[in-house]
N, C-alpha and C. Protein backbone atom coordinates (compact mmCIF):
# COMPACT_ATOMS: atom_id res chain seq x y z
N UNK A 1 -7.60 -29.22 5.06
CA UNK A 1 -8.02 -30.40 5.81
C UNK A 1 -8.78 -29.99 7.07
N UNK A 2 -8.30 -28.93 7.74
CA UNK A 2 -8.98 -28.48 8.96
C UNK A 2 -10.40 -28.01 8.65
N UNK A 3 -10.56 -27.31 7.54
CA UNK A 3 -11.89 -26.84 7.15
C UNK A 3 -12.82 -28.01 6.89
N UNK A 4 -12.32 -29.07 6.27
CA UNK A 4 -13.14 -30.25 6.02
C UNK A 4 -13.56 -30.91 7.33
N UNK A 5 -12.65 -31.00 8.29
CA UNK A 5 -12.98 -31.58 9.59
C UNK A 5 -14.02 -30.72 10.31
N UNK A 6 -13.82 -29.40 10.31
CA UNK A 6 -14.78 -28.52 10.97
C UNK A 6 -16.17 -28.65 10.35
N UNK A 7 -16.22 -28.62 9.04
CA UNK A 7 -17.50 -28.71 8.34
C UNK A 7 -18.15 -30.08 8.59
N UNK A 8 -17.36 -31.14 8.56
CA UNK A 8 -17.90 -32.47 8.82
C UNK A 8 -18.46 -32.61 10.22
N UNK A 9 -17.75 -32.09 11.21
CA UNK A 9 -18.21 -32.19 12.60
C UNK A 9 -19.51 -31.41 12.78
N UNK A 10 -19.55 -30.20 12.25
CA UNK A 10 -20.77 -29.39 12.36
C UNK A 10 -21.92 -30.08 11.64
N UNK A 11 -21.67 -30.59 10.44
CA UNK A 11 -22.72 -31.27 9.69
C UNK A 11 -23.24 -32.50 10.40
N UNK A 12 -22.34 -33.33 10.92
CA UNK A 12 -22.77 -34.53 11.63
C UNK A 12 -23.52 -34.19 12.92
N UNK A 13 -23.05 -33.19 13.62
CA UNK A 13 -23.75 -32.78 14.85
C UNK A 13 -25.16 -32.29 14.53
N UNK A 14 -25.29 -31.52 13.46
CA UNK A 14 -26.62 -31.04 13.07
C UNK A 14 -27.53 -32.19 12.66
N UNK A 15 -27.00 -33.15 11.90
CA UNK A 15 -27.81 -34.30 11.51
C UNK A 15 -28.22 -35.12 12.73
N UNK A 16 -27.31 -35.29 13.68
CA UNK A 16 -27.63 -36.03 14.90
C UNK A 16 -28.71 -35.32 15.70
N UNK A 17 -28.57 -34.00 15.85
CA UNK A 17 -29.60 -33.25 16.57
C UNK A 17 -30.94 -33.31 15.86
N UNK A 18 -30.91 -33.27 14.54
CA UNK A 18 -32.15 -33.36 13.77
C UNK A 18 -32.80 -34.73 13.95
N UNK A 19 -31.99 -35.78 13.93
CA UNK A 19 -32.53 -37.14 14.05
C UNK A 19 -33.04 -37.43 15.46
N UNK A 20 -32.35 -36.92 16.48
CA UNK A 20 -32.71 -37.23 17.85
C UNK A 20 -33.57 -36.17 18.52
N UNK A 21 -33.72 -35.04 17.86
CA UNK A 21 -34.45 -33.92 18.46
C UNK A 21 -35.93 -34.20 18.59
N UNK A 22 -36.57 -33.38 19.41
CA UNK A 22 -38.02 -33.52 19.55
C UNK A 22 -38.68 -33.17 18.21
N UNK A 23 -39.90 -33.57 18.05
CA UNK A 23 -40.63 -33.37 16.79
C UNK A 23 -40.44 -31.98 16.21
N UNK A 24 -39.52 -31.85 15.28
CA UNK A 24 -39.27 -30.58 14.64
C UNK A 24 -40.28 -30.33 13.54
N UNK A 25 -40.49 -29.08 13.23
CA UNK A 25 -41.40 -28.72 12.15
C UNK A 25 -40.84 -29.25 10.83
N UNK A 26 -41.70 -29.63 9.91
CA UNK A 26 -41.21 -30.12 8.63
C UNK A 26 -40.45 -29.00 7.89
N UNK A 27 -39.45 -29.42 7.13
CA UNK A 27 -38.65 -28.45 6.39
C UNK A 27 -39.43 -27.92 5.19
N UNK A 28 -39.22 -26.65 4.86
CA UNK A 28 -39.92 -26.08 3.70
C UNK A 28 -39.51 -26.78 2.41
N UNK A 29 -40.40 -26.78 1.45
CA UNK A 29 -40.13 -27.41 0.16
C UNK A 29 -39.85 -26.39 -0.94
N UNK A 30 -39.97 -25.11 -0.64
CA UNK A 30 -39.77 -24.08 -1.65
C UNK A 30 -38.31 -24.04 -2.10
N UNK A 31 -38.07 -23.94 -3.39
CA UNK A 31 -36.69 -23.88 -3.90
C UNK A 31 -35.91 -22.67 -3.37
N UNK A 32 -36.60 -21.56 -3.14
CA UNK A 32 -35.93 -20.38 -2.62
C UNK A 32 -35.28 -20.62 -1.26
N UNK A 33 -35.98 -21.39 -0.42
CA UNK A 33 -35.44 -21.73 0.89
C UNK A 33 -34.14 -22.52 0.74
N UNK A 34 -34.16 -23.53 -0.13
CA UNK A 34 -32.99 -24.39 -0.29
C UNK A 34 -31.84 -23.66 -0.99
N UNK A 35 -32.17 -22.74 -1.91
CA UNK A 35 -31.14 -21.93 -2.54
C UNK A 35 -30.45 -21.04 -1.50
N UNK A 36 -31.26 -20.39 -0.65
CA UNK A 36 -30.70 -19.53 0.39
C UNK A 36 -29.89 -20.36 1.40
N UNK A 37 -30.38 -21.52 1.77
CA UNK A 37 -29.66 -22.39 2.70
C UNK A 37 -28.34 -22.84 2.10
N UNK A 38 -28.35 -23.26 0.84
CA UNK A 38 -27.11 -23.67 0.18
C UNK A 38 -26.10 -22.53 0.09
N UNK A 39 -26.59 -21.34 -0.22
CA UNK A 39 -25.71 -20.17 -0.28
C UNK A 39 -25.07 -19.91 1.08
N UNK A 40 -25.87 -19.94 2.13
CA UNK A 40 -25.34 -19.69 3.48
C UNK A 40 -24.33 -20.75 3.89
N UNK A 41 -24.61 -22.00 3.56
CA UNK A 41 -23.69 -23.09 3.91
C UNK A 41 -22.37 -22.92 3.16
N UNK A 42 -22.45 -22.69 1.86
CA UNK A 42 -21.22 -22.61 1.05
C UNK A 42 -20.38 -21.37 1.34
N UNK A 43 -21.01 -20.22 1.37
CA UNK A 43 -20.25 -18.98 1.46
C UNK A 43 -20.09 -18.47 2.88
N UNK A 44 -21.13 -18.55 3.68
CA UNK A 44 -21.05 -17.97 5.02
C UNK A 44 -20.48 -18.93 6.05
N UNK A 45 -20.53 -20.22 5.80
CA UNK A 45 -19.96 -21.18 6.74
C UNK A 45 -18.67 -21.78 6.19
N UNK A 46 -18.78 -22.51 5.11
CA UNK A 46 -17.61 -23.16 4.54
C UNK A 46 -16.57 -22.14 4.09
N UNK A 47 -17.01 -21.12 3.38
CA UNK A 47 -16.09 -20.07 2.92
C UNK A 47 -15.45 -19.33 4.08
N UNK A 48 -16.23 -19.05 5.11
CA UNK A 48 -15.68 -18.34 6.27
C UNK A 48 -14.65 -19.21 7.00
N UNK A 49 -14.95 -20.50 7.18
CA UNK A 49 -13.98 -21.40 7.81
C UNK A 49 -12.69 -21.46 7.00
N UNK A 50 -12.83 -21.56 5.69
CA UNK A 50 -11.66 -21.65 4.82
C UNK A 50 -10.81 -20.39 4.89
N UNK A 51 -11.45 -19.24 4.80
CA UNK A 51 -10.71 -17.96 4.86
C UNK A 51 -10.05 -17.77 6.23
N UNK A 52 -10.77 -18.11 7.28
CA UNK A 52 -10.23 -17.96 8.63
C UNK A 52 -9.03 -18.88 8.84
N UNK A 53 -9.14 -20.13 8.46
CA UNK A 53 -8.03 -21.06 8.65
C UNK A 53 -6.83 -20.68 7.79
N UNK A 54 -7.07 -20.18 6.60
CA UNK A 54 -5.98 -19.74 5.72
C UNK A 54 -5.24 -18.57 6.37
N UNK A 55 -5.98 -17.59 6.85
CA UNK A 55 -5.36 -16.40 7.44
C UNK A 55 -4.66 -16.74 8.76
N UNK A 56 -5.27 -17.57 9.57
CA UNK A 56 -4.68 -17.89 10.87
C UNK A 56 -3.41 -18.72 10.71
N UNK A 57 -3.32 -19.50 9.64
CA UNK A 57 -2.12 -20.29 9.40
C UNK A 57 -0.93 -19.43 9.00
N UNK A 58 -1.17 -18.18 8.66
CA UNK A 58 -0.10 -17.29 8.23
C UNK A 58 0.15 -16.16 9.21
N UNK A 59 -0.36 -16.29 10.42
CA UNK A 59 -0.18 -15.26 11.45
C UNK A 59 0.55 -15.87 12.63
N UNK A 60 1.09 -15.01 13.45
CA UNK A 60 1.80 -15.48 14.64
C UNK A 60 0.80 -16.02 15.66
N UNK A 61 1.29 -16.88 16.53
CA UNK A 61 0.43 -17.48 17.56
C UNK A 61 -0.16 -16.41 18.47
N UNK A 62 0.61 -15.38 18.76
CA UNK A 62 0.14 -14.30 19.63
C UNK A 62 -1.02 -13.56 18.98
N UNK A 63 -0.87 -13.24 17.71
CA UNK A 63 -1.94 -12.53 16.99
C UNK A 63 -3.19 -13.39 16.88
N UNK A 64 -3.01 -14.67 16.61
CA UNK A 64 -4.15 -15.59 16.50
C UNK A 64 -4.90 -15.66 17.83
N UNK A 65 -4.16 -15.79 18.92
CA UNK A 65 -4.79 -15.87 20.24
C UNK A 65 -5.59 -14.60 20.54
N UNK A 66 -5.02 -13.47 20.22
CA UNK A 66 -5.71 -12.20 20.48
C UNK A 66 -6.96 -12.06 19.62
N UNK A 67 -6.85 -12.37 18.34
CA UNK A 67 -8.01 -12.24 17.44
C UNK A 67 -9.11 -13.22 17.79
N UNK A 68 -8.74 -14.47 18.06
CA UNK A 68 -9.77 -15.48 18.37
C UNK A 68 -10.41 -15.20 19.73
N UNK A 69 -9.63 -14.71 20.66
CA UNK A 69 -10.18 -14.39 21.97
C UNK A 69 -11.08 -13.18 21.95
N UNK A 70 -10.83 -12.25 21.03
CA UNK A 70 -11.64 -11.03 20.94
C UNK A 70 -12.85 -11.21 20.04
N UNK A 71 -13.00 -12.36 19.42
CA UNK A 71 -14.11 -12.58 18.49
C UNK A 71 -15.48 -12.36 19.13
N UNK A 72 -15.73 -12.83 20.37
CA UNK A 72 -17.03 -12.54 20.99
C UNK A 72 -17.28 -11.05 21.18
N UNK A 73 -16.23 -10.30 21.47
CA UNK A 73 -16.39 -8.85 21.63
C UNK A 73 -16.80 -8.22 20.31
N UNK A 74 -16.12 -8.59 19.23
CA UNK A 74 -16.47 -8.05 17.91
C UNK A 74 -17.91 -8.39 17.56
N UNK A 75 -18.32 -9.61 17.82
CA UNK A 75 -19.70 -10.02 17.54
C UNK A 75 -20.70 -9.19 18.32
N UNK A 76 -20.42 -8.96 19.60
CA UNK A 76 -21.33 -8.17 20.43
C UNK A 76 -21.38 -6.71 19.95
N UNK A 77 -20.23 -6.16 19.58
CA UNK A 77 -20.21 -4.78 19.10
C UNK A 77 -20.98 -4.63 17.79
N UNK A 78 -20.77 -5.55 16.84
CA UNK A 78 -21.50 -5.47 15.58
C UNK A 78 -23.00 -5.64 15.80
N UNK A 79 -23.39 -6.57 16.65
CA UNK A 79 -24.81 -6.77 16.92
C UNK A 79 -25.42 -5.54 17.58
N UNK A 80 -24.65 -4.89 18.43
CA UNK A 80 -25.13 -3.69 19.11
C UNK A 80 -25.31 -2.53 18.13
N UNK A 81 -24.32 -2.32 17.26
CA UNK A 81 -24.38 -1.18 16.35
C UNK A 81 -25.30 -1.42 15.16
N UNK A 82 -25.24 -2.59 14.55
CA UNK A 82 -25.99 -2.84 13.33
C UNK A 82 -27.41 -3.34 13.58
N UNK A 83 -27.58 -4.17 14.59
CA UNK A 83 -28.89 -4.77 14.83
C UNK A 83 -29.62 -4.16 16.01
N UNK A 84 -29.00 -3.18 16.63
CA UNK A 84 -29.58 -2.49 17.79
C UNK A 84 -29.90 -3.44 18.94
N UNK A 85 -29.07 -4.50 19.06
CA UNK A 85 -29.23 -5.41 20.20
C UNK A 85 -28.57 -4.79 21.42
N UNK A 86 -29.07 -5.12 22.56
CA UNK A 86 -28.54 -4.56 23.80
C UNK A 86 -28.09 -5.68 24.73
N UNK A 87 -26.87 -5.56 25.23
CA UNK A 87 -26.38 -6.48 26.24
C UNK A 87 -26.57 -5.86 27.61
N UNK A 88 -26.85 -6.69 28.58
CA UNK A 88 -26.95 -6.22 29.94
C UNK A 88 -25.56 -6.08 30.55
N UNK A 89 -25.51 -5.64 31.77
CA UNK A 89 -24.24 -5.45 32.48
C UNK A 89 -23.43 -6.73 32.53
N UNK A 90 -24.10 -7.86 32.83
CA UNK A 90 -23.37 -9.13 32.94
C UNK A 90 -22.82 -9.58 31.59
N UNK A 91 -23.52 -9.31 30.54
CA UNK A 91 -23.03 -9.66 29.20
C UNK A 91 -21.77 -8.88 28.84
N UNK A 92 -21.77 -7.57 29.12
CA UNK A 92 -20.59 -6.75 28.84
C UNK A 92 -19.42 -7.14 29.75
N UNK A 93 -19.71 -7.44 31.01
CA UNK A 93 -18.63 -7.86 31.92
C UNK A 93 -18.04 -9.20 31.48
N UNK A 94 -18.88 -10.11 31.06
CA UNK A 94 -18.38 -11.40 30.57
C UNK A 94 -17.51 -11.23 29.34
N UNK A 95 -17.95 -10.39 28.40
CA UNK A 95 -17.14 -10.11 27.22
C UNK A 95 -15.82 -9.46 27.58
N UNK A 96 -15.86 -8.54 28.53
CA UNK A 96 -14.63 -7.89 28.97
C UNK A 96 -13.67 -8.90 29.59
N UNK A 97 -14.18 -9.83 30.37
CA UNK A 97 -13.32 -10.86 30.97
C UNK A 97 -12.68 -11.75 29.90
N UNK A 98 -13.42 -12.07 28.83
CA UNK A 98 -12.86 -12.87 27.74
C UNK A 98 -11.71 -12.13 27.08
N UNK A 99 -11.91 -10.85 26.80
CA UNK A 99 -10.87 -10.06 26.15
C UNK A 99 -9.66 -9.89 27.07
N UNK A 100 -9.89 -9.64 28.34
CA UNK A 100 -8.77 -9.51 29.29
C UNK A 100 -7.99 -10.81 29.36
N UNK A 101 -8.68 -11.93 29.41
CA UNK A 101 -8.00 -13.23 29.45
C UNK A 101 -7.19 -13.45 28.18
N UNK A 102 -7.73 -13.05 27.04
CA UNK A 102 -6.98 -13.19 25.79
C UNK A 102 -5.73 -12.32 25.78
N UNK A 103 -5.88 -11.09 26.23
CA UNK A 103 -4.71 -10.20 26.30
C UNK A 103 -3.67 -10.75 27.27
N UNK A 104 -4.12 -11.22 28.42
CA UNK A 104 -3.21 -11.75 29.42
C UNK A 104 -2.46 -12.97 28.89
N UNK A 105 -3.17 -13.78 28.11
CA UNK A 105 -2.55 -14.97 27.54
C UNK A 105 -1.48 -14.66 26.50
N UNK A 106 -1.51 -13.46 25.94
CA UNK A 106 -0.52 -13.10 24.93
C UNK A 106 0.69 -12.39 25.51
N UNK A 107 0.65 -12.06 26.78
CA UNK A 107 1.79 -11.37 27.39
C UNK A 107 2.98 -12.32 27.52
N UNK A 108 4.19 -11.79 27.31
CA UNK A 108 5.36 -12.67 27.47
C UNK A 108 5.52 -13.07 28.94
N UNK A 109 5.94 -14.27 29.13
CA UNK A 109 6.16 -14.79 30.49
C UNK A 109 7.63 -14.68 30.84
N UNK A 110 7.88 -14.35 32.07
CA UNK A 110 9.28 -14.37 32.51
C UNK A 110 9.51 -15.68 33.23
N UNK A 111 10.67 -16.21 33.01
CA UNK A 111 11.01 -17.49 33.62
C UNK A 111 11.20 -17.33 35.11
N UNK A 112 10.66 -18.27 35.86
CA UNK A 112 10.84 -18.27 37.30
C UNK A 112 12.20 -18.87 37.61
N UNK A 113 12.87 -18.35 38.63
CA UNK A 113 14.15 -18.94 38.97
C UNK A 113 13.98 -20.40 39.44
N UNK A 114 14.86 -21.22 39.00
CA UNK A 114 14.80 -22.63 39.37
C UNK A 114 15.51 -22.82 40.70
N UNK A 115 14.97 -23.67 41.55
CA UNK A 115 15.64 -23.90 42.85
C UNK A 115 16.97 -24.60 42.65
N UNK A 116 17.90 -24.22 43.45
CA UNK A 116 19.24 -24.83 43.38
C UNK A 116 19.17 -26.16 44.11
N UNK A 117 19.66 -27.20 43.42
CA UNK A 117 19.65 -28.52 44.03
C UNK A 117 21.04 -28.82 44.60
N UNK A 118 21.03 -29.38 45.78
CA UNK A 118 22.30 -29.68 46.45
C UNK A 118 22.86 -30.99 46.03
């Protein structure tokens, strides 16, 4: 159900942006374009959402928080190594802050002492 909601929201948002956007270039009519687009939608978007939601539903909340919070770091690392993209200092610092916040959010909290009421 969550995958259907995610896909529906993304689809509706894209249709809204397409309808309200400034004069966009006409879409290609070649079948190869539409075959590739359908493949990407089904396997790389819908399939990825489905696999991610399935796996996250079977993991602990701590592990989910850590993995989801570190996702931008993984994306930046893969783009850097595979696509030879380069992040500037501020990009790496921002990514580091996201990961630190995710790690901090997974740390156990100790209860604060409650004030004694008279």
